[in-house]
Amino acid sequence: MNPKQTLRRVRRWTLFFIVGLVLSGATAIPLVTELNWLAKLTGARALLETPASTNAPAWAAWLVKVQATLQEIDNKHPILFYGTAGWPSGISSLPLHSSARCGIRFAMRGFTISG
């Protein structure tokens, strides 16, 4: 294989991995925010609230119900969603965010962190 072919192959693999990293980063959106965007994009709530001669599609009712449930759980128990949005906003910051937002104490290596 000549140097030009090798360079082209390295560039293709690099591009492949960059695209993969971008796509994996797109899934690091918090669940509640992601579901709110999906409901807005599809117009699910509008389909349920608009009077029509036929019933709203079942998927719209399901989506709005899941959205409301996730929002309620996030309001009552926000700690449940830490770690569901990828590494940067999840597990690595769990002790700091949880103690600050919920007033929960964490014992880490003999020290207590409180918010």
Protein backbone atom coordinates (compact mmCIF):
# COMPACT_ATOMS: atom_id res chain seq x y z
CA MET A 1 0.00 0.00 0.00
CA ASN A 2 1.47 3.35 -0.97
CA PRO A 3 1.55 6.40 1.34
CA LYS A 4 -1.40 8.12 -0.41
CA GLN A 5 -3.64 5.10 0.10
CA THR A 6 -2.54 4.81 3.72
CA LEU A 7 -3.29 8.48 4.36
CA ARG A 8 -6.70 8.18 2.71
CA ARG A 9 -7.51 5.11 4.79
CA VAL A 10 -6.45 6.84 8.03
CA ARG A 11 -8.57 9.88 7.17
CA ARG A 12 -11.62 7.70 6.47
CA TRP A 13 -11.25 5.85 9.77
CA THR A 14 -10.75 9.14 11.60
CA LEU A 15 -13.90 10.57 10.02
CA PHE A 16 -15.78 7.39 10.91
CA PHE A 17 -14.81 7.70 14.58
CA ILE A 18 -15.57 11.43 14.69
CA VAL A 19 -19.05 10.79 13.32
CA GLY A 20 -19.50 8.01 15.86
CA LEU A 21 -18.50 10.31 18.71
CA VAL A 22 -20.91 13.00 17.53
CA LEU A 23 -23.77 10.52 17.31
CA SER A 24 -23.03 9.06 20.73
CA GLY A 25 -22.94 12.58 22.17
CA ALA A 26 -26.39 13.28 20.73
CA THR A 27 -27.80 10.58 22.99
CA ALA A 28 -26.49 12.34 26.09
CA ILE A 29 -29.60 14.55 26.29
CA PRO A 30 -31.49 14.26 29.61
CA LEU A 31 -34.61 12.11 29.33
CA VAL A 32 -37.12 14.79 30.33
CA THR A 33 -35.70 17.32 27.88
CA GLU A 34 -35.50 14.74 25.12
CA LEU A 35 -39.12 13.70 25.63
CA ASN A 36 -40.29 17.33 25.73
CA TRP A 37 -38.59 17.93 22.39
CA LEU A 38 -40.15 14.79 20.91
CA ALA A 39 -43.64 15.74 22.10
CA LYS A 40 -43.23 19.24 20.68
CA LEU A 41 -41.79 17.98 17.39
CA THR A 42 -44.61 15.50 16.84
CA GLY A 43 -47.38 17.77 18.14
CA ALA A 44 -48.65 14.97 20.40
CA ARG A 45 -50.21 17.28 23.00
CA ALA A 46 -51.96 19.33 20.32
CA LEU A 47 -53.42 16.13 18.85
CA LEU A 48 -54.91 15.25 22.23
CA GLU A 49 -56.21 18.73 23.06
CA THR A 50 -57.71 19.57 19.65
CA PRO A 51 -61.33 18.47 19.36
CA ALA A 52 -61.79 16.26 16.33
CA SER A 53 -64.31 13.86 14.92
CA THR A 54 -61.93 10.96 15.60
CA ASN A 55 -59.85 10.08 18.61
CA ALA A 56 -56.21 11.11 18.82
CA PRO A 57 -53.70 8.41 17.83
CA ALA A 58 -52.71 6.00 20.58
CA TRP A 59 -49.03 6.91 20.22
CA ALA A 60 -49.83 10.57 21.01
CA ALA A 61 -51.71 9.64 24.17
CA TRP A 62 -48.89 7.34 25.22
CA LEU A 63 -46.21 9.97 24.55
CA VAL A 64 -48.03 12.66 26.53
CA LYS A 65 -48.63 10.24 29.41
CA VAL A 66 -44.95 9.22 29.52
CA GLN A 67 -43.90 12.89 29.30
CA ALA A 68 -46.15 13.88 32.22
CA THR A 69 -44.99 10.90 34.29
CA LEU A 70 -41.30 11.63 33.72
CA GLN A 71 -41.84 15.31 34.57
CA GLU A 72 -43.62 14.37 37.80
CA ILE A 73 -40.90 11.92 38.80
CA ASP A 74 -38.21 14.49 37.98
CA ASN A 75 -39.95 17.04 40.21
CA LYS A 76 -40.39 14.63 43.14
CA HIS A 77 -37.24 12.48 42.84
CA PRO A 78 -34.63 14.24 40.69
CA ILE A 79 -31.83 11.93 41.82
CA LEU A 80 -33.35 9.10 39.76
CA PHE A 81 -32.31 10.75 36.52
CA TYR A 82 -28.63 11.24 37.33
CA GLY A 83 -26.61 8.89 35.18
CA THR A 84 -29.24 8.61 32.43
CA ALA A 85 -27.76 11.40 30.30
CA GLY A 86 -24.31 10.05 29.70
CA TRP A 87 -21.06 10.24 31.61
CA PRO A 88 -20.42 14.03 31.69
CA SER A 89 -23.66 15.01 33.40
CA GLY A 90 -24.33 11.74 35.13
CA ILE A 91 -22.21 9.49 37.23
CA SER A 92 -19.13 11.72 37.45
CA SER A 93 -21.10 14.53 39.09
CA LEU A 94 -23.57 12.45 41.12
CA PRO A 95 -22.28 13.24 44.62
CA LEU A 96 -22.04 16.98 44.01
CA HIS A 97 -25.35 17.51 42.22
CA SER A 98 -27.35 15.17 44.39
CA SER A 99 -26.21 16.69 47.66
CA ALA A 100 -26.71 20.23 46.41
CA ARG A 101 -30.12 19.70 44.80
CA CYS A 102 -31.70 17.24 47.19
CA GLY A 103 -29.92 17.98 50.44
CA ILE A 104 -28.77 14.37 50.60
CA ARG A 105 -25.62 13.48 52.49
CA PHE A 106 -23.05 11.21 50.90
CA ALA A 107 -20.35 9.45 52.83
CA MET A 108 -17.28 9.15 50.66
CA ARG A 109 -14.12 7.70 52.10
CA GLY A 110 -15.01 8.78 55.59
CA PHE A 111 -16.10 12.31 54.66
CA THR A 112 -19.64 13.59 54.59
CA ILE A 113 -20.70 15.93 51.81
CA SER A 114 -23.87 17.90 52.46
CA GLY A 115 -25.70 20.48 50.40
